[in-house]
Every structure is written in C-alpha cells, then in structure tokens.
C-alpha cells in the first residue's frame, strides 16, 4: 500500500465521520446540515472508491470500483450548489429550478 492510498483512506474516513457528526449532532434536521452531510458523504465515497480502484487485483473488482468512482462525482456539484442555496437561506426548487438545470448540464 502506497502513501496515496493511505491518504485517500484517511480523507474518506475523516469525511465520513464529519458527515455523521454534523448530521447526528443537530438538534433538528435542517437543510444545511443535511446538504453538507450529503456532500461529505459523496467526497468520502469518492475517495474510498478511488482507493478500492487503486488496490484492485482483478478486472471485475476494478471495473465495479471504476463505475462507482465515475458515478459519485456527478452528484458533488449538484449537492454543493444546493448547500450554497441552503446556506444563503434561499429557497431552491429541486425539480425544474436552477440546481436541476445545472445537474443536467453536469450529467451531459
């Protein structure tokens, strides 16, 4: 195991704990806590899937990890934009609004 994999594991575990702490320590479920927790979970899944891809011994394992590695970052800009809107206390429309259009643009 090289240093890059060790750092990716540290980043993944740190973001996972950050997401869990922010989500479960909130007194009430707010949009800002939920959106930041989802963002940290996506970053955690991205770094851990990159670690699994780099450590894969078989082609099937590498292919599954690679699909996850390319699928998870699609949602990062969408969730980050929703986090910004909820942080600024705007009322974003998920379906048909600006975040959905940005999500479609990042999907294409």
C-alpha atoms as a PDB file:
ATOM      1  CA  UNK A   1       0.000   0.000   0.000  1.00  0.00           C
ATOM      2  CA  UNK A   2       1.463   3.319  -1.027  1.00  0.00           C
ATOM      3  CA  UNK A   3       1.137   6.748   0.523  1.00  0.00           C
ATOM      4  CA  UNK A   4      -1.586   7.892  -1.861  1.00  0.00           C
ATOM      5  CA  UNK A   5      -3.883   5.048  -0.785  1.00  0.00           C
ATOM      6  CA  UNK A   6      -3.183   5.793   2.873  1.00  0.00           C
ATOM      7  CA  UNK A   7      -4.056   9.462   2.376  1.00  0.00           C
ATOM      8  CA  UNK A   8      -7.200   8.557   0.434  1.00  0.00           C
ATOM      9  CA  UNK A   9      -8.336   6.263   3.245  1.00  0.00           C
ATOM     10  CA  UNK A  10      -7.675   8.999   5.817  1.00  0.00           C
ATOM     11  CA  UNK A  11      -9.624  11.514   3.729  1.00  0.00           C
ATOM     12  CA  UNK A  12     -12.511   9.073   3.257  1.00  0.00           C
ATOM     13  CA  UNK A  13     -12.794   8.157   6.921  1.00  0.00           C
ATOM     14  CA  UNK A  14     -12.450  11.780   8.033  1.00  0.00           C
ATOM     15  CA  UNK A  15     -15.233  12.919   5.697  1.00  0.00           C
ATOM     16  CA  UNK A  16     -17.422  10.008   6.774  1.00  0.00           C
ATOM     17  CA  UNK A  17     -17.040  10.927  10.457  1.00  0.00           C
ATOM     18  CA  UNK A  18     -17.590  14.599   9.633  1.00  0.00           C
ATOM     19  CA  UNK A  19     -20.827  13.770   7.833  1.00  0.00           C
ATOM     20  CA  UNK A  20     -22.067  11.597  10.690  1.00  0.00           C
ATOM     21  CA  UNK A  21     -21.148  14.126  13.375  1.00  0.00           C
ATOM     22  CA  UNK A  22     -22.844  17.014  11.569  1.00  0.00           C
ATOM     23  CA  UNK A  23     -25.981  15.034  10.796  1.00  0.00           C
ATOM     24  CA  UNK A  24     -26.487  13.400  14.205  1.00  0.00           C
ATOM     25  CA  UNK A  25     -25.411  16.307  16.433  1.00  0.00           C
ATOM     26  CA  UNK A  26     -28.017  18.664  15.017  1.00  0.00           C
ATOM     27  CA  UNK A  27     -30.867  19.413  17.360  1.00  0.00           C
ATOM     28  CA  UNK A  28     -33.301  19.424  14.470  1.00  0.00           C
ATOM     29  CA  UNK A  29     -32.915  18.315  10.901  1.00  0.00           C
ATOM     30  CA  UNK A  30     -32.136  21.366   8.807  1.00  0.00           C
ATOM     31  CA  UNK A  31     -31.458  21.632   5.105  1.00  0.00           C
ATOM     32  CA  UNK A  32     -27.978  22.976   5.661  1.00  0.00           C
ATOM     33  CA  UNK A  33     -26.910  20.066   7.892  1.00  0.00           C
ATOM     34  CA  UNK A  34     -28.408  17.511   5.563  1.00  0.00           C
ATOM     35  CA  UNK A  35     -26.862  19.012   2.439  1.00  0.00           C
ATOM     36  CA  UNK A  36     -23.387  19.322   3.970  1.00  0.00           C
ATOM     37  CA  UNK A  37     -23.602  15.769   5.303  1.00  0.00           C
ATOM     38  CA  UNK A  38     -24.522  14.505   1.843  1.00  0.00           C
ATOM     39  CA  UNK A  39     -21.634  16.468   0.366  1.00  0.00           C
ATOM     40  CA  UNK A  40     -19.166  14.999   2.857  1.00  0.00           C
ATOM     41  CA  UNK A  41     -20.585  11.515   2.233  1.00  0.00           C
ATOM     42  CA  UNK A  42     -20.090  11.922  -1.508  1.00  0.00           C
ATOM     43  CA  UNK A  43     -16.492  13.053  -1.048  1.00  0.00           C
ATOM     44  CA  UNK A  44     -15.938  10.108   1.279  1.00  0.00           C
ATOM     45  CA  UNK A  45     -17.405   7.639  -1.206  1.00  0.00           C
ATOM     46  CA  UNK A  46     -15.331   9.170  -3.982  1.00  0.00           C
ATOM     47  CA  UNK A  47     -12.032   8.874  -2.129  1.00  0.00           C
ATOM     48  CA  UNK A  48     -12.768   5.365  -0.850  1.00  0.00           C
ATOM     49  CA  UNK A  49     -13.803   4.151  -4.303  1.00  0.00           C
ATOM     50  CA  UNK A  50     -10.570   5.612  -5.676  1.00  0.00           C
ATOM     51  CA  UNK A  51      -8.686   3.611  -3.060  1.00  0.00           C
ATOM     52  CA  UNK A  52     -10.547   0.418  -3.963  1.00  0.00           C
ATOM     53  CA  UNK A  53      -9.817   1.016  -7.637  1.00  0.00           C
ATOM     54  CA  UNK A  54      -6.127   1.547  -6.985  1.00  0.00           C
ATOM     55  CA  UNK A  55      -5.926  -1.592  -4.811  1.00  0.00           C
ATOM     56  CA  UNK A  56      -7.980  -3.865  -7.106  1.00  0.00           C
ATOM     57  CA  UNK A  57      -6.387  -7.174  -8.051  1.00  0.00           C
ATOM     58  CA  UNK A  58      -8.988  -8.427 -10.524  1.00  0.00           C
ATOM     59  CA  UNK A  59     -10.557  -6.764 -13.524  1.00  0.00           C
ATOM     60  CA  UNK A  60     -14.113  -7.232 -12.250  1.00  0.00           C
ATOM     61  CA  UNK A  61     -13.313  -5.555  -8.937  1.00  0.00           C
ATOM     62  CA  UNK A  62     -11.546  -2.729 -10.723  1.00  0.00           C
ATOM     63  CA  UNK A  63     -14.489  -2.268 -13.087  1.00  0.00           C
ATOM     64  CA  UNK A  64     -17.013  -2.042 -10.238  1.00  0.00           C
ATOM     65  CA  UNK A  65     -14.797   0.393  -8.337  1.00  0.00           C
ATOM     66  CA  UNK A  66     -14.272   2.419 -11.510  1.00  0.00           C
ATOM     67  CA  UNK A  67     -18.025   2.687 -12.115  1.00  0.00           C
ATOM     68  CA  UNK A  68     -18.509   3.946  -8.570  1.00  0.00           C
ATOM     69  CA  UNK A  69     -15.500   6.238  -8.999  1.00  0.00           C
ATOM     70  CA  UNK A  70     -17.085   7.875 -12.055  1.00  0.00           C
ATOM     71  CA  UNK A  71     -20.674   7.859 -10.739  1.00  0.00           C
ATOM     72  CA  UNK A  72     -20.208   9.524  -7.350  1.00  0.00           C
ATOM     73  CA  UNK A  73     -18.610  12.814  -8.531  1.00  0.00           C
ATOM     74  CA  UNK A  74     -21.622  13.531 -10.731  1.00  0.00           C
ATOM     75  CA  UNK A  75     -23.629  14.428  -7.638  1.00  0.00           C
ATOM     76  CA  UNK A  76     -20.967  16.585  -5.957  1.00  0.00           C
ATOM     77  CA  UNK A  77     -21.674  19.835  -7.892  1.00  0.00           C
ATOM     78  CA  UNK A  78     -25.433  19.389  -7.530  1.00  0.00           C
ATOM     79  CA  UNK A  79     -25.258  18.859  -3.776  1.00  0.00           C
ATOM     80  CA  UNK A  80     -22.685  21.639  -3.392  1.00  0.00           C
ATOM     81  CA  UNK A  81     -24.962  24.076  -5.209  1.00  0.00           C
ATOM     82  CA  UNK A  82     -27.894  23.016  -3.018  1.00  0.00           C
ATOM     83  CA  UNK A  83     -25.694  23.500   0.058  1.00  0.00           C
ATOM     84  CA  UNK A  84     -24.827  27.026  -1.078  1.00  0.00           C
ATOM     85  CA  UNK A  85     -28.500  27.841  -1.623  1.00  0.00           C
ATOM     86  CA  UNK A  86     -29.483  26.474   1.763  1.00  0.00           C
ATOM     87  CA  UNK A  87     -26.561  28.268   3.418  1.00  0.00           C
ATOM     88  CA  UNK A  88     -27.662  31.564   1.923  1.00  0.00           C
ATOM     89  CA  UNK A  89     -31.237  30.806   3.031  1.00  0.00           C
ATOM     90  CA  UNK A  90     -32.654  30.852  -0.448  1.00  0.00           C
ATOM     91  CA  UNK A  91     -35.476  28.521  -1.340  1.00  0.00           C
ATOM     92  CA  UNK A  92     -34.162  26.380  -4.201  1.00  0.00           C
ATOM     93  CA  UNK A  93     -36.521  24.441  -6.396  1.00  0.00           C
ATOM     94  CA  UNK A  94     -35.138  20.990  -6.952  1.00  0.00           C
ATOM     95  CA  UNK A  95     -37.333  19.956  -9.866  1.00  0.00           C
ATOM     96  CA  UNK A  96     -37.306  22.403 -12.728  1.00  0.00           C
ATOM     97  CA  UNK A  97     -35.233  25.027 -10.960  1.00  0.00           C
ATOM     98  CA  UNK A  98     -31.695  26.245 -11.411  1.00  0.00           C
ATOM     99  CA  UNK A  99     -29.983  23.388  -9.474  1.00  0.00           C
ATOM    100  CA  UNK A 100     -31.747  20.831 -11.630  1.00  0.00           C
ATOM    101  CA  UNK A 101     -30.580  22.572 -14.803  1.00  0.00           C
ATOM    102  CA  UNK A 102     -27.012  22.652 -13.516  1.00  0.00           C
ATOM    103  CA  UNK A 103     -27.315  18.966 -12.658  1.00  0.00           C
ATOM    104  CA  UNK A 104     -28.467  18.171 -16.174  1.00  0.00           C
ATOM    105  CA  UNK A 105     -25.550  20.155 -17.604  1.00  0.00           C
ATOM    106  CA  UNK A 106     -23.046  18.274 -15.444  1.00  0.00           C
ATOM    107  CA  UNK A 107     -24.654  14.960 -16.390  1.00  0.00           C
ATOM    108  CA  UNK A 108     -24.231  15.568 -20.134  1.00  0.00           C
END
